[in-house]
């Protein structure tokens, strides 16, 4: 859940940065050079920090046409196979982002923009969000193997809106 809250905080922060940039340019004719750069960092963090919650809630974009038209046992096996593939991809993504963050930390890499922020600071939320997504994908696989639904539709926002 805290990943979803962190994602929401990132989105609100993006809004604040962009509004500050627009107001600063229009009222004071001054650009906040860091607003667009930090907004990009926050967008990546929002995406990966919220990915685990979206997977748990079943809110990710997914085409169920095939699963809904197959016999239930076959659909379940296909869902398990797809989740296994998802685990493999998520583990690789987590490893790659973790290594990237570590190398940036060790090398003290900095942003090429004016802010010259240490890159590991902006990469760490991506690696952490990827780890959360990997753990949630493994948990989904466990639920499917126990015969439980992979998603929790109670977590969906606006599910009764038509």
C-alpha atoms as a PDB file:
ATOM      1  CA  UNK A   1       0.000   0.000   0.000  1.00  0.00           C
ATOM      2  CA  UNK A   2       2.789   2.427   0.829  1.00  0.00           C
ATOM      3  CA  UNK A   3       4.084   2.098  -2.740  1.00  0.00           C
ATOM      4  CA  UNK A   4       0.706   3.341  -3.987  1.00  0.00           C
ATOM      5  CA  UNK A   5       0.837   6.263  -1.553  1.00  0.00           C
ATOM      6  CA  UNK A   6       4.394   7.073  -2.634  1.00  0.00           C
ATOM      7  CA  UNK A   7       3.211   7.007  -6.257  1.00  0.00           C
ATOM      8  CA  UNK A   8       0.353   9.389  -5.462  1.00  0.00           C
ATOM      9  CA  UNK A   9       2.774  11.714  -3.648  1.00  0.00           C
ATOM     10  CA  UNK A  10       5.034  11.724  -6.718  1.00  0.00           C
ATOM     11  CA  UNK A  11       2.095  12.693  -8.949  1.00  0.00           C
ATOM     12  CA  UNK A  12       1.057  15.511  -6.601  1.00  0.00           C
ATOM     13  CA  UNK A  13       4.687  16.688  -6.547  1.00  0.00           C
ATOM     14  CA  UNK A  14       4.744  16.759 -10.359  1.00  0.00           C
ATOM     15  CA  UNK A  15       1.611  18.895 -10.284  1.00  0.00           C
ATOM     16  CA  UNK A  16       3.245  21.270  -7.794  1.00  0.00           C
ATOM     17  CA  UNK A  17       6.415  21.592  -9.867  1.00  0.00           C
ATOM     18  CA  UNK A  18       4.575  22.251 -13.112  1.00  0.00           C
ATOM     19  CA  UNK A  19       2.206  24.780 -11.533  1.00  0.00           C
ATOM     20  CA  UNK A  20       5.197  26.534  -9.941  1.00  0.00           C
ATOM     21  CA  UNK A  21       6.954  26.629 -13.328  1.00  0.00           C
ATOM     22  CA  UNK A  22       3.901  28.089 -15.098  1.00  0.00           C
ATOM     23  CA  UNK A  23       3.321  30.703 -12.380  1.00  0.00           C
ATOM     24  CA  UNK A  24       7.019  31.617 -12.238  1.00  0.00           C
ATOM     25  CA  UNK A  25       7.246  32.059 -16.008  1.00  0.00           C
ATOM     26  CA  UNK A  26       4.020  34.041 -16.339  1.00  0.00           C
ATOM     27  CA  UNK A  27       4.332  36.286 -13.295  1.00  0.00           C
ATOM     28  CA  UNK A  28       8.091  36.712 -12.884  1.00  0.00           C
ATOM     29  CA  UNK A  29       9.418  35.770 -16.333  1.00  0.00           C
ATOM     30  CA  UNK A  30      11.769  33.297 -14.638  1.00  0.00           C
ATOM     31  CA  UNK A  31      11.992  29.606 -15.450  1.00  0.00           C
ATOM     32  CA  UNK A  32      12.538  27.055 -12.720  1.00  0.00           C
ATOM     33  CA  UNK A  33      15.220  25.082 -14.560  1.00  0.00           C
ATOM     34  CA  UNK A  34      14.801  22.034 -12.321  1.00  0.00           C
ATOM     35  CA  UNK A  35      11.014  21.657 -12.697  1.00  0.00           C
ATOM     36  CA  UNK A  36      10.998  19.590 -15.897  1.00  0.00           C
ATOM     37  CA  UNK A  37      14.000  17.487 -14.883  1.00  0.00           C
ATOM     38  CA  UNK A  38      12.562  16.591 -11.481  1.00  0.00           C
ATOM     39  CA  UNK A  39       9.113  16.020 -12.989  1.00  0.00           C
ATOM     40  CA  UNK A  40      10.644  13.375 -15.256  1.00  0.00           C
ATOM     41  CA  UNK A  41      12.318  11.667 -12.278  1.00  0.00           C
ATOM     42  CA  UNK A  42       9.064  11.757 -10.332  1.00  0.00           C
ATOM     43  CA  UNK A  43       7.112  10.302 -13.273  1.00  0.00           C
ATOM     44  CA  UNK A  44       9.386   7.267 -13.389  1.00  0.00           C
ATOM     45  CA  UNK A  45       9.128   6.850  -9.628  1.00  0.00           C
ATOM     46  CA  UNK A  46       5.325   7.183  -9.746  1.00  0.00           C
ATOM     47  CA  UNK A  47       5.112   4.508 -12.430  1.00  0.00           C
ATOM     48  CA  UNK A  48       7.236   1.917 -10.659  1.00  0.00           C
ATOM     49  CA  UNK A  49       6.155   2.709  -7.102  1.00  0.00           C
ATOM     50  CA  UNK A  50       2.508   2.240  -8.120  1.00  0.00           C
ATOM     51  CA  UNK A  51       3.040  -0.849 -10.298  1.00  0.00           C
ATOM     52  CA  UNK A  52       2.821  -3.369  -7.435  1.00  0.00           C
ATOM     53  CA  UNK A  53      -0.487  -1.949  -6.193  1.00  0.00           C
ATOM     54  CA  UNK A  54      -1.896  -1.876  -9.739  1.00  0.00           C
ATOM     55  CA  UNK A  55      -0.958  -5.548 -10.196  1.00  0.00           C
ATOM     56  CA  UNK A  56      -2.554  -6.540  -6.878  1.00  0.00           C
ATOM     57  CA  UNK A  57      -5.737  -4.618  -7.661  1.00  0.00           C
ATOM     58  CA  UNK A  58      -5.926  -5.939 -11.219  1.00  0.00           C
ATOM     59  CA  UNK A  59      -5.840  -2.354 -12.449  1.00  0.00           C
ATOM     60  CA  UNK A  60      -3.115  -2.863 -15.028  1.00  0.00           C
ATOM     61  CA  UNK A  61      -3.984  -2.926 -18.707  1.00  0.00           C
ATOM     62  CA  UNK A  62      -4.643  -6.526 -19.613  1.00  0.00           C
ATOM     63  CA  UNK A  63      -6.558  -8.217 -22.380  1.00  0.00           C
ATOM     64  CA  UNK A  64      -8.794 -10.910 -20.891  1.00  0.00           C
ATOM     65  CA  UNK A  65     -10.441 -11.951 -24.157  1.00  0.00           C
ATOM     66  CA  UNK A  66      -8.407 -15.151 -24.349  1.00  0.00           C
ATOM     67  CA  UNK A  67      -8.736 -16.066 -20.665  1.00  0.00           C
ATOM     68  CA  UNK A  68     -12.497 -15.481 -20.655  1.00  0.00           C
ATOM     69  CA  UNK A  69     -13.051 -17.732 -23.678  1.00  0.00           C
ATOM     70  CA  UNK A  70     -10.983 -20.724 -22.569  1.00  0.00           C
ATOM     71  CA  UNK A  71     -12.131 -23.518 -20.248  1.00  0.00           C
ATOM     72  CA  UNK A  72     -11.364 -22.515 -16.633  1.00  0.00           C
ATOM     73  CA  UNK A  73      -8.593 -25.096 -16.038  1.00  0.00           C
ATOM     74  CA  UNK A  74      -6.769 -24.072 -19.215  1.00  0.00           C
ATOM     75  CA  UNK A  75      -7.279 -20.377 -18.490  1.00  0.00           C
ATOM     76  CA  UNK A  76      -5.813 -20.906 -15.002  1.00  0.00           C
ATOM     77  CA  UNK A  77      -2.740 -22.673 -16.441  1.00  0.00           C
ATOM     78  CA  UNK A  78      -2.246 -19.888 -18.986  1.00  0.00           C
ATOM     79  CA  UNK A  79      -2.544 -17.273 -16.227  1.00  0.00           C
ATOM     80  CA  UNK A  80       0.069 -19.130 -14.165  1.00  0.00           C
ATOM     81  CA  UNK A  81       2.393 -19.337 -17.179  1.00  0.00           C
ATOM     82  CA  UNK A  82       1.967 -15.629 -17.939  1.00  0.00           C
ATOM     83  CA  UNK A  83       2.640 -14.769 -14.287  1.00  0.00           C
ATOM     84  CA  UNK A  84       5.790 -16.936 -14.339  1.00  0.00           C
ATOM     85  CA  UNK A  85       6.965 -14.964 -17.377  1.00  0.00           C
ATOM     86  CA  UNK A  86       6.121 -11.773 -15.474  1.00  0.00           C
ATOM     87  CA  UNK A  87       8.197 -12.938 -12.498  1.00  0.00           C
ATOM     88  CA  UNK A  88      11.206 -13.558 -14.764  1.00  0.00           C
ATOM     89  CA  UNK A  89      10.894 -10.124 -16.374  1.00  0.00           C
ATOM     90  CA  UNK A  90      10.334  -8.376 -13.035  1.00  0.00           C
ATOM     91  CA  UNK A  91      13.354 -10.098 -11.444  1.00  0.00           C
ATOM     92  CA  UNK A  92      15.552  -9.035 -14.363  1.00  0.00           C
ATOM     93  CA  UNK A  93      14.233  -5.454 -14.233  1.00  0.00           C
ATOM     94  CA  UNK A  94      14.888  -5.274 -10.495  1.00  0.00           C
ATOM     95  CA  UNK A  95      18.393  -6.655 -10.910  1.00  0.00           C
ATOM     96  CA  UNK A  96      19.182  -4.232 -13.761  1.00  0.00           C
ATOM     97  CA  UNK A  97      17.826  -1.163 -11.961  1.00  0.00           C
ATOM     98  CA  UNK A  98      19.535  -2.203  -8.732  1.00  0.00           C
ATOM     99  CA  UNK A  99      22.860  -2.588 -10.516  1.00  0.00           C
ATOM    100  CA  UNK A 100      22.397   0.739 -12.325  1.00  0.00           C
ATOM    101  CA  UNK A 101      21.660   2.486  -9.021  1.00  0.00           C
ATOM    102  CA  UNK A 102      24.637   0.841  -7.326  1.00  0.00           C
ATOM    103  CA  UNK A 103      27.033   1.780 -10.127  1.00  0.00           C
ATOM    104  CA  UNK A 104      25.770   5.364 -10.075  1.00  0.00           C
ATOM    105  CA  UNK A 105      26.357   5.439  -6.321  1.00  0.00           C
ATOM    106  CA  UNK A 106      29.872   3.970  -6.550  1.00  0.00           C
ATOM    107  CA  UNK A 107      30.881   6.213  -9.467  1.00  0.00           C
ATOM    108  CA  UNK A 108      29.175   9.274  -7.971  1.00  0.00           C
ATOM    109  CA  UNK A 109      27.456   9.923 -11.311  1.00  0.00           C
ATOM    110  CA  UNK A 110      25.641  13.219 -11.589  1.00  0.00           C
ATOM    111  CA  UNK A 111      22.833  14.486 -13.779  1.00  0.00           C
ATOM    112  CA  UNK A 112      24.039  16.336 -16.884  1.00  0.00           C
ATOM    113  CA  UNK A 113      21.417  19.011 -16.193  1.00  0.00           C
ATOM    114  CA  UNK A 114      22.049  22.186 -14.183  1.00  0.00           C
ATOM    115  CA  UNK A 115      20.963  20.526 -10.944  1.00  0.00           C
ATOM    116  CA  UNK A 116      23.845  18.022 -11.128  1.00  0.00           C
ATOM    117  CA  UNK A 117      21.953  15.843  -8.644  1.00  0.00           C
ATOM    118  CA  UNK A 118      23.569  12.528  -7.809  1.00  0.00           C
ATOM    119  CA  UNK A 119      21.925  10.009 -10.147  1.00  0.00           C
ATOM    120  CA  UNK A 120      21.561   7.258  -7.552  1.00  0.00           C
ATOM    121  CA  UNK A 121      19.149   9.472  -5.608  1.00  0.00           C
ATOM    122  CA  UNK A 122      16.794   9.632  -8.591  1.00  0.00           C
ATOM    123  CA  UNK A 123      17.350   5.976  -9.561  1.00  0.00           C
ATOM    124  CA  UNK A 124      16.759   4.479  -6.111  1.00  0.00           C
ATOM    125  CA  UNK A 125      12.937   4.905  -6.175  1.00  0.00           C
ATOM    126  CA  UNK A 126      12.891   3.097  -9.538  1.00  0.00           C
ATOM    127  CA  UNK A 127      14.855   0.160  -8.131  1.00  0.00           C
ATOM    128  CA  UNK A 128      12.699   0.078  -4.987  1.00  0.00           C
ATOM    129  CA  UNK A 129       9.460   0.229  -7.000  1.00  0.00           C
ATOM    130  CA  UNK A 130      10.734  -2.541  -9.242  1.00  0.00           C
ATOM    131  CA  UNK A 131      11.505  -4.666  -6.174  1.00  0.00           C
ATOM    132  CA  UNK A 132       7.965  -4.089  -4.855  1.00  0.00           C
ATOM    133  CA  UNK A 133       6.568  -5.088  -8.248  1.00  0.00           C
ATOM    134  CA  UNK A 134       8.698  -8.242  -8.284  1.00  0.00           C
ATOM    135  CA  UNK A 135       7.531  -9.236  -4.800  1.00  0.00           C
ATOM    136  CA  UNK A 136       3.907  -8.595  -5.758  1.00  0.00           C
ATOM    137  CA  UNK A 137       4.302 -10.679  -8.932  1.00  0.00           C
ATOM    138  CA  UNK A 138       5.722 -13.553  -6.865  1.00  0.00           C
ATOM    139  CA  UNK A 139       2.830 -13.181  -4.399  1.00  0.00           C
ATOM    140  CA  UNK A 140       0.376 -13.279  -7.325  1.00  0.00           C
ATOM    141  CA  UNK A 141       1.971 -16.495  -8.538  1.00  0.00           C
ATOM    142  CA  UNK A 142       1.585 -17.967  -5.053  1.00  0.00           C
ATOM    143  CA  UNK A 143      -2.109 -17.027  -4.944  1.00  0.00           C
ATOM    144  CA  UNK A 144      -2.699 -18.571  -8.376  1.00  0.00           C
ATOM    145  CA  UNK A 145      -0.895 -21.782  -7.377  1.00  0.00           C
ATOM    146  CA  UNK A 146      -3.148 -22.029  -4.283  1.00  0.00           C
ATOM    147  CA  UNK A 147      -6.202 -21.704  -6.523  1.00  0.00           C
ATOM    148  CA  UNK A 148      -7.041 -18.170  -5.385  1.00  0.00           C
ATOM    149  CA  UNK A 149      -7.712 -15.245  -7.731  1.00  0.00           C
ATOM    150  CA  UNK A 150      -4.588 -13.363  -8.731  1.00  0.00           C
ATOM    151  CA  UNK A 151      -6.240  -9.941  -8.348  1.00  0.00           C
ATOM    152  CA  UNK A 152      -8.130  -8.329  -5.492  1.00  0.00           C
ATOM    153  CA  UNK A 153     -10.969  -6.434  -7.154  1.00  0.00           C
ATOM    154  CA  UNK A 154     -11.871  -4.809  -3.805  1.00  0.00           C
ATOM    155  CA  UNK A 155      -8.805  -2.596  -4.204  1.00  0.00           C
ATOM    156  CA  UNK A 156      -9.940  -1.094  -7.496  1.00  0.00           C
ATOM    157  CA  UNK A 157     -10.934   2.536  -7.398  1.00  0.00           C
ATOM    158  CA  UNK A 158     -14.140   3.434  -9.240  1.00  0.00           C
ATOM    159  CA  UNK A 159     -15.024  -0.172  -9.993  1.00  0.00           C
ATOM    160  CA  UNK A 160     -18.781   0.471  -9.714  1.00  0.00           C
ATOM    161  CA  UNK A 161     -18.752   3.480 -12.043  1.00  0.00           C
ATOM    162  CA  UNK A 162     -20.401   2.730 -15.359  1.00  0.00           C
END
